[in-house]
Structure formats: C-alpha cells, structure tokens
C-alpha cells in the first residue's frame, strides 16, 4: 500500500473533499467536478499511477491542492490508512464521497464466492465504517456533506445481478437513516445512477452495448449528484429516464418486476 502523495501544505488542505474509487469513471468525474468548485481533494483508489495522473491533471487545470492515497478499501488496513490520512495533522474533511465499489453479474450460486465477499466488504462495509469514523470530525465543518453512491438497482430485486443490487439497497437505506441522524450537522445524500458510461460494466460482466435503457455520462451523474448534495436532497436518482424507471418499479408488482429484471440482466451479461 502506497503512502499519501505529498503536497505543499496550505490552508486549503483543511476541509478537503475525499473521493473514493477516484481513479476512473464516476469517481474521476466527481474529482474533476469538485475541483472546478475550487475545493481541495484527497483521491483514493487501488491504482496509484492512475490517481497520480488524475491529480496532476486537476492541479494543472484548477490549481487546487490534491493528495492521493493508493489503498484497497475492501480490507481493514486500507480503511485505516484512509482515515489516518483524512484526519492527519488535525484535518477535518468537509465532504466524503463514498464512490468505491464494483458489481458482479451472474446467478449467486454460480459466482465466485471470494469475489462476492470482496464486493460486500467494499460496497457495504467500507461505506459504513468510513461514514462512522469520519462523521464526528466533519460535524460542524461549514457545508459538511456525505454523498454515497447507490444505484437504480437499489429499488428492486435483480436476478442475475442480485448481490450487487442488495448492496446498493443497503447503501440506500443506510443513507436515508444517516440523513435523519445527522440532520443539521452533515448533509447526507444517496445518488442513484442508472447505466453510466464507465469501466464499471466491463468489470462486472455486462455488455452495455446491448442495453435498451437510458445511458448517462459519468460527468452528468457527478454534476447532478453534487447539486443534489448542495440542496440537501436525501435521495437523488440521476436522469429523467431513470426517474421514470424507478417510479415505475414502485408501481409494478414486485413479482413481475423481479422477473423482468432477471430477463434483462441474464440476457445482457457477457458470456462467462
């Protein structure tokens, strides 16, 4: 595990925004969008070289302080390293964007058990532990906010994508609870993207080209999410098309919804 990339120290280093899973996709889009707002950053992901390249790009484009930490948040040591870096030298983060996560397509009984457990640890455990450990330091910081990346998959059962959808359902319910628990102290928002142009689906095993559903850019997802956080929104579904689909899922009987979802995900998975 690499240490935190060193940057010249100045006042802007305090109250920085932490972005997990920042090396590409929605995480990198969040980093760029936050930097455009003039805020300093702590970028976290496993791939240090990609983080360093992104940090250099952001510094050159926006002139904001950017620190990097190469860490695996799916293990306890990685979470500990991030918390230590975030709170070092009396720092009090102003924003935590819990974006790190991955998906795994395929029926539960056919999926690799090790990968399923890794997904649970990253998608669920890391979100809970980081929120719990950093919230006390963030409380009272002007504009403090936690933004958790859930998914439109959180609103229904998804056979063929079941464990991932369940992790995001957890993130959604967890965020809604924290939104009330931290009211008046920290704004807490869940953003629920649908299909987004990023490397996520290739890693998970879904052929995005075959999907007949709304597809957004990572940049649009990040910008909408930050505006929702600024407004103190509890749950934000990205994009009008996705809002319609989520609303429909609440009307359609669950027995029908899960069968339709199963046909979609199983039909569009890459061959294994």
Protein backbone atom coordinates (compact mmCIF):
# COMPACT_ATOMS: atom_id res chain seq x y z
CA UNK A 1 0.00 0.00 0.00
CA UNK A 2 1.42 3.38 -1.00
CA UNK A 3 1.52 6.39 1.24
CA UNK A 4 -0.32 9.66 0.72
CA UNK A 5 1.09 11.73 -2.13
CA UNK A 6 2.79 14.76 -0.59
CA UNK A 7 1.63 18.25 -1.50
CA UNK A 8 2.71 21.70 -0.32
CA UNK A 9 0.75 22.49 2.81
CA UNK A 10 -1.57 25.49 2.84
CA UNK A 11 -4.88 26.43 4.40
CA UNK A 12 -6.85 24.90 1.56
CA UNK A 13 -5.71 21.45 2.63
CA UNK A 14 -8.12 21.62 5.55
CA UNK A 15 -11.75 20.90 4.78
CA UNK A 16 -10.87 18.81 1.75
CA UNK A 17 -13.20 16.51 -0.15
CA UNK A 18 -12.44 12.77 -0.07
CA UNK A 19 -13.37 10.79 -3.16
CA UNK A 20 -13.06 7.00 -3.04
CA UNK A 21 -12.81 4.93 -6.21
CA UNK A 22 -11.42 8.06 -7.85
CA UNK A 23 -9.14 6.54 -10.49
CA UNK A 24 -11.71 6.43 -13.30
CA UNK A 25 -15.40 6.58 -14.23
CA UNK A 26 -17.81 8.36 -11.90
CA UNK A 27 -15.12 8.75 -9.22
CA UNK A 28 -12.80 10.67 -11.56
CA UNK A 29 -15.76 12.75 -12.73
CA UNK A 30 -16.54 13.62 -9.11
CA UNK A 31 -12.92 14.65 -8.57
CA UNK A 32 -12.93 16.98 -11.57
CA UNK A 33 -16.33 18.45 -10.66
CA UNK A 34 -15.28 19.14 -7.07
CA UNK A 35 -12.03 20.73 -8.26
CA UNK A 36 -13.99 23.05 -10.56
CA UNK A 37 -15.66 24.33 -7.40
CA UNK A 38 -12.24 25.24 -6.02
CA UNK A 39 -12.09 22.61 -3.29
CA UNK A 40 -9.03 20.60 -2.28
CA UNK A 41 -9.10 16.83 -2.71
CA UNK A 42 -7.95 13.54 -1.25
CA UNK A 43 -8.29 10.94 -4.01
CA UNK A 44 -8.33 7.24 -3.07
CA UNK A 45 -8.23 4.07 -5.17
CA UNK A 46 -6.10 0.96 -5.56
CA UNK A 47 -4.26 2.08 -8.70
CA UNK A 48 -1.79 4.73 -7.62
CA UNK A 49 -0.47 5.54 -11.09
CA UNK A 50 -3.94 6.45 -12.37
CA UNK A 51 -4.60 8.54 -9.27
CA UNK A 52 -1.33 10.44 -9.67
CA UNK A 53 -2.07 11.17 -13.33
CA UNK A 54 -5.54 12.46 -12.45
CA UNK A 55 -4.14 14.55 -9.60
CA UNK A 56 -1.58 16.16 -11.92
CA UNK A 57 -4.31 16.94 -14.46
CA UNK A 58 -6.53 18.54 -11.81
CA UNK A 59 -3.73 20.63 -10.29
CA UNK A 60 -2.78 21.95 -13.72
CA UNK A 61 -6.37 22.71 -14.72
CA UNK A 62 -7.73 24.13 -11.45
CA UNK A 63 -4.79 24.96 -9.18
CA UNK A 64 -6.26 23.20 -6.14
CA UNK A 65 -4.32 21.02 -3.68
CA UNK A 66 -4.74 17.32 -4.42
CA UNK A 67 -3.46 14.43 -2.30
CA UNK A 68 -3.57 10.81 -3.38
CA UNK A 69 -3.70 7.54 -1.48
CA UNK A 70 -3.33 4.14 -3.13
CA UNK A 71 -5.33 1.82 -0.88
CA UNK A 72 -7.72 -1.13 -1.10
CA UNK A 73 -10.83 -0.15 0.87
CA UNK A 74 -12.06 -3.72 0.75
CA UNK A 75 -9.66 -4.58 3.59
CA UNK A 76 -9.34 -3.14 7.08
CA UNK A 77 -5.81 -1.85 6.54
CA UNK A 78 -6.96 0.22 3.58
CA UNK A 79 -9.79 1.80 5.55
CA UNK A 80 -7.45 2.54 8.44
CA UNK A 81 -4.96 4.18 6.07
CA UNK A 82 -7.64 6.43 4.60
CA UNK A 83 -8.98 7.51 7.99
CA UNK A 84 -5.44 8.27 9.21
CA UNK A 85 -4.72 10.33 6.08
CA UNK A 86 -8.05 12.16 6.24
CA UNK A 87 -7.56 13.21 9.87
CA UNK A 88 -3.78 13.77 9.82
CA UNK A 89 -2.47 16.99 11.37
CA UNK A 90 -5.88 17.91 12.72
CA UNK A 91 -7.62 17.92 9.36
CA UNK A 92 -11.42 17.95 9.33
CA UNK A 93 -12.81 16.83 5.95
CA UNK A 94 -15.68 18.84 4.55
CA UNK A 95 -17.01 16.13 2.24
CA UNK A 96 -16.86 12.35 1.86
CA UNK A 97 -17.91 10.82 -1.46
CA UNK A 98 -18.26 7.05 -0.98
CA UNK A 99 -17.99 6.01 -4.60
CA UNK A 100 -15.70 2.95 -4.49
CA UNK A 101 -17.45 -0.28 -5.41
CA UNK A 102 -17.88 -2.91 -8.08
CA UNK A 103 -20.53 -5.25 -9.45
CA UNK A 104 -20.62 -8.92 -10.32
CA UNK A 105 -23.09 -10.30 -12.83
CA UNK A 106 -24.25 -13.90 -12.71
CA UNK A 107 -26.51 -16.07 -10.56
CA UNK A 108 -25.39 -16.16 -6.92
CA UNK A 109 -24.76 -19.91 -6.90
CA UNK A 110 -22.53 -19.60 -9.97
CA UNK A 111 -20.48 -16.60 -8.85
CA UNK A 112 -17.05 -16.84 -7.28
CA UNK A 113 -17.58 -16.72 -3.51
CA UNK A 114 -14.37 -14.81 -2.86
CA UNK A 115 -15.43 -12.05 -5.25
CA UNK A 116 -18.90 -11.88 -3.71
CA UNK A 117 -17.41 -11.33 -0.26
CA UNK A 118 -14.96 -8.74 -1.63
CA UNK A 119 -17.93 -6.89 -3.13
CA UNK A 120 -19.80 -6.92 0.18
CA UNK A 121 -16.79 -5.54 2.01
CA UNK A 122 -16.16 -2.73 -0.46
CA UNK A 123 -19.75 -1.79 -1.34
CA UNK A 124 -21.16 -2.06 2.19
CA UNK A 125 -18.58 -2.33 4.95
CA UNK A 126 -16.32 0.45 3.66
CA UNK A 127 -19.26 2.84 3.32
CA UNK A 128 -20.44 2.18 6.87
CA UNK A 129 -17.02 2.29 8.54
CA UNK A 130 -15.79 5.41 6.72
CA UNK A 131 -19.03 7.26 7.41
CA UNK A 132 -18.98 6.26 11.07
CA UNK A 133 -15.31 7.17 11.61
CA UNK A 134 -15.23 10.45 9.69
CA UNK A 135 -18.63 11.91 10.61
CA UNK A 136 -17.54 13.11 14.09
CA UNK A 137 -14.66 15.12 12.59
CA UNK A 138 -16.87 16.50 9.82
CA UNK A 139 -19.67 17.59 12.15
CA UNK A 140 -19.61 21.36 12.46
CA UNK A 141 -17.47 21.95 9.38
CA UNK A 142 -19.28 24.52 7.19
CA UNK A 143 -21.05 22.76 4.31
CA UNK A 144 -20.11 19.27 5.55
CA UNK A 145 -21.62 16.54 3.40
CA UNK A 146 -21.52 12.78 2.83
CA UNK A 147 -22.52 11.54 -0.61
CA UNK A 148 -22.99 7.79 -1.03
CA UNK A 149 -23.20 6.28 -4.50
CA UNK A 150 -26.04 3.76 -4.59
CA UNK A 151 -27.79 2.71 -7.82
CA UNK A 152 -31.16 2.44 -9.51
CA UNK A 153 -30.66 -1.29 -8.85
CA UNK A 154 -31.31 -0.49 -5.18
CA UNK A 155 -35.04 -0.17 -5.82
CA UNK A 156 -35.78 -3.75 -6.89
CA UNK A 157 -34.51 -7.32 -6.86
CA UNK A 158 -32.22 -8.04 -9.83
CA UNK A 159 -31.82 -11.77 -10.55
CA UNK A 160 -28.50 -12.26 -12.29
CA UNK A 161 -27.18 -9.16 -10.50
CA UNK A 162 -28.66 -9.93 -7.12
CA UNK A 163 -25.84 -9.41 -4.64
CA UNK A 164 -24.75 -6.10 -6.16
CA UNK A 165 -28.35 -4.82 -6.13
CA UNK A 166 -28.67 -5.90 -2.50
CA UNK A 167 -25.50 -3.99 -1.54
CA UNK A 168 -26.93 -0.85 -3.12
CA UNK A 169 -30.29 -1.36 -1.40
CA UNK A 170 -28.30 -1.40 1.85
CA UNK A 171 -26.47 1.80 0.89
CA UNK A 172 -29.76 3.49 0.08
CA UNK A 173 -31.44 2.55 3.39
CA UNK A 174 -28.26 3.35 5.36
CA UNK A 175 -28.05 6.80 3.76
CA UNK A 176 -31.70 7.56 4.45
CA UNK A 177 -31.15 6.76 8.13
CA UNK A 178 -27.98 8.87 8.37
CA UNK A 179 -29.76 11.74 6.62
CA UNK A 180 -32.02 11.98 9.66
CA UNK A 181 -29.41 11.12 12.29
CA UNK A 182 -27.02 13.86 11.11
CA UNK A 183 -29.66 16.43 10.19
CA UNK A 184 -28.45 19.95 10.91
CA UNK A 185 -24.83 18.76 11.16
CA UNK A 186 -23.92 16.99 7.91
CA UNK A 187 -25.89 16.78 4.69
CA UNK A 188 -26.21 13.12 3.69
CA UNK A 189 -27.29 12.16 0.17
CA UNK A 190 -27.62 8.94 -1.80
CA UNK A 191 -27.14 9.27 -5.54
CA UNK A 192 -28.68 6.50 -7.64
CA UNK A 193 -27.21 6.36 -11.15
CA UNK A 194 -28.51 4.01 -13.80
CA UNK A 195 -26.37 2.80 -16.69
CA UNK A 196 -23.37 5.10 -16.96
CA UNK A 197 -20.52 5.27 -19.47
CA UNK A 198 -17.57 3.97 -17.42
CA UNK A 199 -15.47 0.86 -16.93
CA UNK A 200 -17.87 -0.49 -14.29
CA UNK A 201 -19.95 -2.73 -16.55
CA UNK A 202 -16.99 -4.34 -18.30
CA UNK A 203 -15.54 -5.31 -14.91
CA UNK A 204 -18.92 -6.60 -13.76
CA UNK A 205 -19.55 -8.61 -16.92
CA UNK A 206 -22.36 -6.71 -18.66
CA UNK A 207 -22.38 -5.79 -22.35
CA UNK A 208 -23.58 -2.19 -22.17
CA UNK A 209 -23.99 -2.02 -25.96
CA UNK A 210 -26.93 -4.43 -25.81
CA UNK A 211 -28.88 -2.46 -23.21
CA UNK A 212 -32.05 -0.63 -24.29
CA UNK A 213 -32.13 1.63 -21.24
CA UNK A 214 -31.04 5.26 -20.59
CA UNK A 215 -27.25 5.69 -20.52
CA UNK A 216 -25.66 8.76 -18.93
CA UNK A 217 -22.14 10.13 -18.88
CA UNK A 218 -20.13 10.00 -15.68
CA UNK A 219 -19.78 13.78 -15.84
CA UNK A 220 -23.55 14.32 -15.85
CA UNK A 221 -24.00 11.90 -12.95
CA UNK A 222 -21.37 13.69 -10.86
CA UNK A 223 -22.68 17.19 -11.56
CA UNK A 224 -26.26 16.24 -10.77
CA UNK A 225 -25.19 14.47 -7.58
CA UNK A 226 -23.22 17.45 -6.30
CA UNK A 227 -26.14 19.78 -6.95
CA UNK A 228 -28.43 17.38 -5.06
CA UNK A 229 -25.97 17.33 -2.16
CA UNK A 230 -25.79 21.14 -2.13
CA UNK A 231 -29.59 21.22 -1.94
CA UNK A 232 -29.67 18.79 0.98
CA UNK A 233 -31.57 16.15 -1.01
CA UNK A 234 -31.76 12.75 0.68
CA UNK A 235 -32.15 10.54 -2.41
CA UNK A 236 -31.30 11.63 -5.94
CA UNK A 237 -31.99 9.44 -8.98
CA UNK A 238 -29.82 10.53 -11.91
CA UNK A 239 -31.55 11.47 -15.14
CA UNK A 240 -35.20 11.79 -16.15
CA UNK A 241 -35.32 8.37 -17.81
CA UNK A 242 -34.03 6.69 -14.68
CA UNK A 243 -36.50 8.62 -12.51
CA UNK A 244 -39.32 7.23 -14.66
CA UNK A 245 -38.00 3.68 -14.39
CA UNK A 246 -37.62 3.93 -10.60
CA UNK A 247 -41.12 5.35 -10.25
CA UNK A 248 -42.50 2.53 -12.40
CA UNK A 249 -40.73 -0.07 -10.26
CA UNK A 250 -42.70 1.21 -7.29
CA UNK A 251 -45.98 0.70 -9.12
CA UNK A 252 -45.40 -2.63 -10.83
CA UNK A 253 -45.97 -5.68 -8.57
CA UNK A 254 -42.63 -6.94 -7.24
CA UNK A 255 -43.29 -10.43 -8.56
CA UNK A 256 -43.43 -9.02 -12.10
CA UNK A 257 -40.61 -6.53 -11.55
CA UNK A 258 -38.08 -9.15 -10.47
CA UNK A 259 -38.92 -11.43 -13.41
CA UNK A 260 -38.48 -8.61 -15.92
CA UNK A 261 -35.20 -7.57 -14.27
CA UNK A 262 -33.95 -11.15 -14.39
CA UNK A 263 -34.63 -11.38 -18.12
CA UNK A 264 -32.79 -8.10 -18.75
CA UNK A 265 -29.67 -8.88 -16.75
CA UNK A 266 -29.32 -12.50 -17.81
CA UNK A 267 -29.83 -11.68 -21.47
CA UNK A 268 -27.27 -8.88 -21.48
CA UNK A 269 -24.45 -10.47 -19.49
CA UNK A 270 -21.20 -11.23 -21.26
CA UNK A 271 -20.56 -14.90 -21.93
CA UNK A 272 -18.69 -16.45 -18.98
